[in-house]
Amino acid sequence: MVELTVSLLIAGIIVVVAIPNFRSMILSNRLTTASNQVVDAINMARVEAVKRNGTVQLCSDSASANTAASDLLGTQCGTNVGGVVALAVDSQGKPTTDPVADGIDALAAPLKISGSLTPLRFNGQGLGATIGSTAPYSGRVVDICTSNLSSNNHRIVQITAGATVSVVIKTDATCS
């Protein structure tokens, strides 16, 4: 009986210690999954632009950022965060849009975007630029974070020279 009690006590202690670590691991994996979906969307937009030798947009979560150029691509994006939309031509030769991919589905609470996702337009050479610019973009595309982790609670997706994508893991007390 004593052995059983001691075994149950040890098992209880292990469970009490392991559950918080398990929750942190799950949140960390969710952050990684969301940032990987953004990286995949960026790469899909680049490949689609090269394949079509045309313009493809990675959509922001901000409708006003997407429609800064007041054109078909931005209007089609709306607030479809991480969606990919291509410029196409219909059977009558008129410009139209072609949705390539839906938005990012891993961005559910407690994950959120700090700031907003930078909308990017990729040209036929696969170089991404901000809307209204032709210069290859270098900088932060999105910062996905959670306030439920005390460390490594941000995944910052960056792009360099309009083409090279990387993810930086960062710790910051704020997630807004």
Protein backbone atom coordinates (compact mmCIF):
# COMPACT_ATOMS: atom_id res chain seq x y z
CA MET A 1 0.00 0.00 0.00
CA VAL A 2 2.85 2.37 0.84
CA GLU A 3 4.53 1.66 -2.50
CA LEU A 4 1.30 2.46 -4.35
CA THR A 5 0.88 5.74 -2.46
CA VAL A 6 4.48 6.77 -3.16
CA SER A 7 4.08 5.86 -6.85
CA LEU A 8 0.89 7.91 -7.13
CA LEU A 9 2.53 10.84 -5.35
CA ILE A 10 5.50 10.76 -7.74
CA ALA A 11 3.17 10.48 -10.75
CA GLY A 12 1.16 13.45 -9.46
CA ILE A 13 4.29 15.58 -9.07
CA ILE A 14 5.43 14.70 -12.59
CA VAL A 15 2.03 15.65 -14.02
CA VAL A 16 1.99 18.97 -12.14
CA VAL A 17 5.46 19.83 -13.47
CA ALA A 18 4.89 18.55 -17.01
CA ILE A 19 1.53 20.17 -17.86
CA PRO A 20 2.76 23.81 -17.92
CA ASN A 21 5.77 22.79 -20.03
CA PHE A 22 3.51 20.88 -22.39
CA ARG A 23 1.23 23.93 -22.79
CA SER A 24 4.27 26.10 -23.58
CA MET A 25 5.46 23.59 -26.15
CA ILE A 26 2.04 23.54 -27.83
CA LEU A 27 1.93 27.36 -28.02
CA SER A 28 5.46 27.48 -29.37
CA ASN A 29 4.53 24.93 -32.04
CA ARG A 30 1.43 26.96 -32.96
CA LEU A 31 3.62 30.07 -33.40
CA THR A 32 6.00 28.12 -35.60
CA THR A 33 3.12 26.70 -37.66
CA ALA A 34 1.64 30.16 -38.24
CA SER A 35 5.00 31.65 -39.27
CA ASN A 36 5.64 28.69 -41.59
CA GLN A 37 2.26 29.31 -43.24
CA VAL A 38 3.30 32.91 -43.90
CA VAL A 39 6.61 31.73 -45.37
CA ASP A 40 4.71 29.25 -47.56
CA ALA A 41 2.33 32.00 -48.74
CA ILE A 42 5.27 34.26 -49.62
CA ASN A 43 6.99 31.48 -51.55
CA MET A 44 3.75 30.56 -53.29
CA ALA A 45 3.23 34.18 -54.37
CA ARG A 46 6.80 34.35 -55.70
CA VAL A 47 6.54 31.09 -57.63
CA GLU A 48 3.12 32.00 -59.04
CA ALA A 49 4.41 35.41 -60.20
CA VAL A 50 7.34 33.78 -62.00
CA LYS A 51 5.14 31.03 -63.47
CA ARG A 52 2.63 33.58 -64.81
CA ASN A 53 5.27 36.21 -65.59
CA GLY A 54 2.87 38.63 -63.97
CA THR A 55 1.88 40.34 -60.74
CA VAL A 56 0.81 38.40 -57.65
CA GLN A 57 -0.05 39.90 -54.27
CA LEU A 58 0.43 38.55 -50.76
CA CYS A 59 -2.56 40.01 -48.89
CA SER A 60 -2.41 41.92 -45.62
CA ASP A 61 -4.85 41.80 -42.74
CA SER A 62 -5.51 45.49 -43.41
CA ALA A 63 -7.94 46.26 -46.24
CA SER A 64 -6.59 49.81 -46.51
CA ALA A 65 -3.01 48.51 -46.90
CA ASN A 66 -4.15 46.05 -49.59
CA THR A 67 -6.03 48.69 -51.57
CA ALA A 68 -3.39 51.43 -51.34
CA ALA A 69 -3.03 51.29 -55.12
CA SER A 70 -6.84 51.22 -55.67
CA ASP A 71 -6.68 48.34 -58.13
CA LEU A 72 -8.08 44.87 -58.69
CA LEU A 73 -5.50 42.95 -56.65
CA GLY A 74 -5.91 45.00 -53.51
CA THR A 75 -9.69 45.00 -53.76
CA GLN A 76 -9.77 41.21 -54.18
CA CYS A 77 -7.57 40.78 -51.09
CA GLY A 78 -9.88 42.58 -48.68
CA THR A 79 -8.69 41.41 -45.26
CA ASN A 80 -7.73 37.87 -46.30
CA VAL A 81 -4.51 37.81 -44.25
CA GLY A 82 -1.88 35.75 -46.03
CA GLY A 83 -4.07 35.12 -49.06
CA VAL A 84 -2.45 35.10 -52.49
CA VAL A 85 -4.14 36.75 -55.48
CA ALA A 86 -2.84 36.89 -59.06
CA LEU A 87 -3.60 39.39 -61.77
CA ALA A 88 -5.10 37.60 -64.78
CA VAL A 89 -6.85 38.34 -68.08
CA ASP A 90 -10.33 37.01 -68.83
CA SER A 91 -11.50 35.53 -72.16
CA GLN A 92 -12.40 39.02 -73.40
CA GLY A 93 -8.96 40.43 -72.66
CA LYS A 94 -10.03 42.38 -69.58
CA PRO A 95 -7.93 42.38 -66.42
CA THR A 96 -9.30 40.24 -63.61
CA THR A 97 -8.04 38.54 -60.49
CA ASP A 98 -7.40 34.90 -59.82
CA PRO A 99 -7.35 33.76 -56.16
CA VAL A 100 -4.35 31.44 -55.80
CA ALA A 101 -4.49 30.59 -52.08
CA ASP A 102 -6.69 31.23 -49.07
CA GLY A 103 -5.43 33.06 -46.04
CA ILE A 104 -3.54 31.71 -43.06
CA ASP A 105 -5.71 29.51 -40.88
CA ALA A 106 -3.32 29.09 -37.94
CA LEU A 107 -3.87 32.62 -36.61
CA ALA A 108 -6.39 31.86 -33.88
CA ALA A 109 -6.32 33.08 -30.30
CA PRO A 110 -4.09 33.29 -28.34
CA LEU A 111 -1.90 34.03 -31.38
CA LYS A 112 -2.13 37.44 -32.97
CA ILE A 113 -0.38 39.74 -35.39
CA SER A 114 1.58 42.54 -33.79
CA GLY A 115 0.96 45.49 -36.09
CA SER A 116 -0.14 44.19 -39.48
CA LEU A 117 1.12 41.95 -42.24
CA THR A 118 2.93 43.93 -44.94
CA PRO A 119 1.24 43.35 -48.30
CA LEU A 120 3.75 42.47 -51.00
CA ARG A 121 3.49 42.38 -54.76
CA PHE A 122 5.71 39.99 -56.64
CA ASN A 123 6.65 40.63 -60.26
CA GLY A 124 7.46 38.15 -63.02
CA GLN A 125 11.05 37.95 -61.78
CA GLY A 126 9.87 36.83 -58.34
CA LEU A 127 10.90 40.00 -56.55
CA GLY A 128 8.56 41.36 -53.89
CA ALA A 129 7.92 45.05 -53.35
CA THR A 130 5.49 47.02 -51.23
CA ILE A 131 2.38 48.31 -52.98
CA GLY A 132 3.18 51.39 -55.04
CA SER A 133 6.92 50.64 -55.18
CA THR A 134 9.10 48.74 -57.60
CA ALA A 135 12.14 48.52 -55.33
CA PRO A 136 12.70 45.04 -53.83
CA TYR A 137 11.42 45.05 -50.26
CA SER A 138 13.65 44.31 -47.30
CA GLY A 139 12.13 44.24 -43.84
CA ARG A 140 9.53 42.74 -41.57
CA VAL A 141 6.58 41.09 -43.27
CA VAL A 142 4.76 40.06 -40.10
CA ASP A 143 5.28 39.62 -36.37
CA ILE A 144 3.15 36.78 -34.97
CA CYS A 145 3.09 36.66 -31.19
CA THR A 146 1.36 35.51 -28.04
CA SER A 147 1.37 36.96 -24.55
CA ASN A 148 0.84 33.47 -23.08
CA LEU A 149 4.55 32.64 -23.32
CA SER A 150 7.21 34.38 -21.26
CA SER A 151 10.07 33.73 -23.70
CA ASN A 152 10.44 33.11 -27.43
CA ASN A 153 6.93 34.51 -27.86
CA HIS A 154 7.41 36.23 -31.25
CA ARG A 155 8.01 34.82 -34.72
CA ILE A 156 9.07 37.60 -37.08
CA VAL A 157 8.92 36.74 -40.77
CA GLN A 158 11.31 38.91 -42.79
CA ILE A 159 12.21 39.26 -46.43
CA THR A 160 15.50 40.53 -47.80
CA ALA A 161 16.10 41.94 -51.29
CA GLY A 162 12.52 41.07 -52.22
CA ALA A 163 13.20 37.34 -52.29
CA THR A 164 15.04 35.79 -49.32
CA VAL A 165 12.65 34.84 -46.51
CA SER A 166 13.69 34.15 -42.92
CA VAL A 167 12.03 33.74 -39.52
CA VAL A 168 13.49 35.28 -36.37
CA ILE A 169 12.45 34.08 -32.91
CA LYS A 170 12.33 36.86 -30.37
CA THR A 171 11.30 37.45 -26.78
CA ASP A 172 9.33 40.61 -26.01
CA ALA A 173 7.11 41.35 -23.04
CA THR A 174 4.48 43.01 -25.23
CA CYS A 175 2.27 41.41 -27.82
CA SER A 176 -0.10 43.97 -29.24
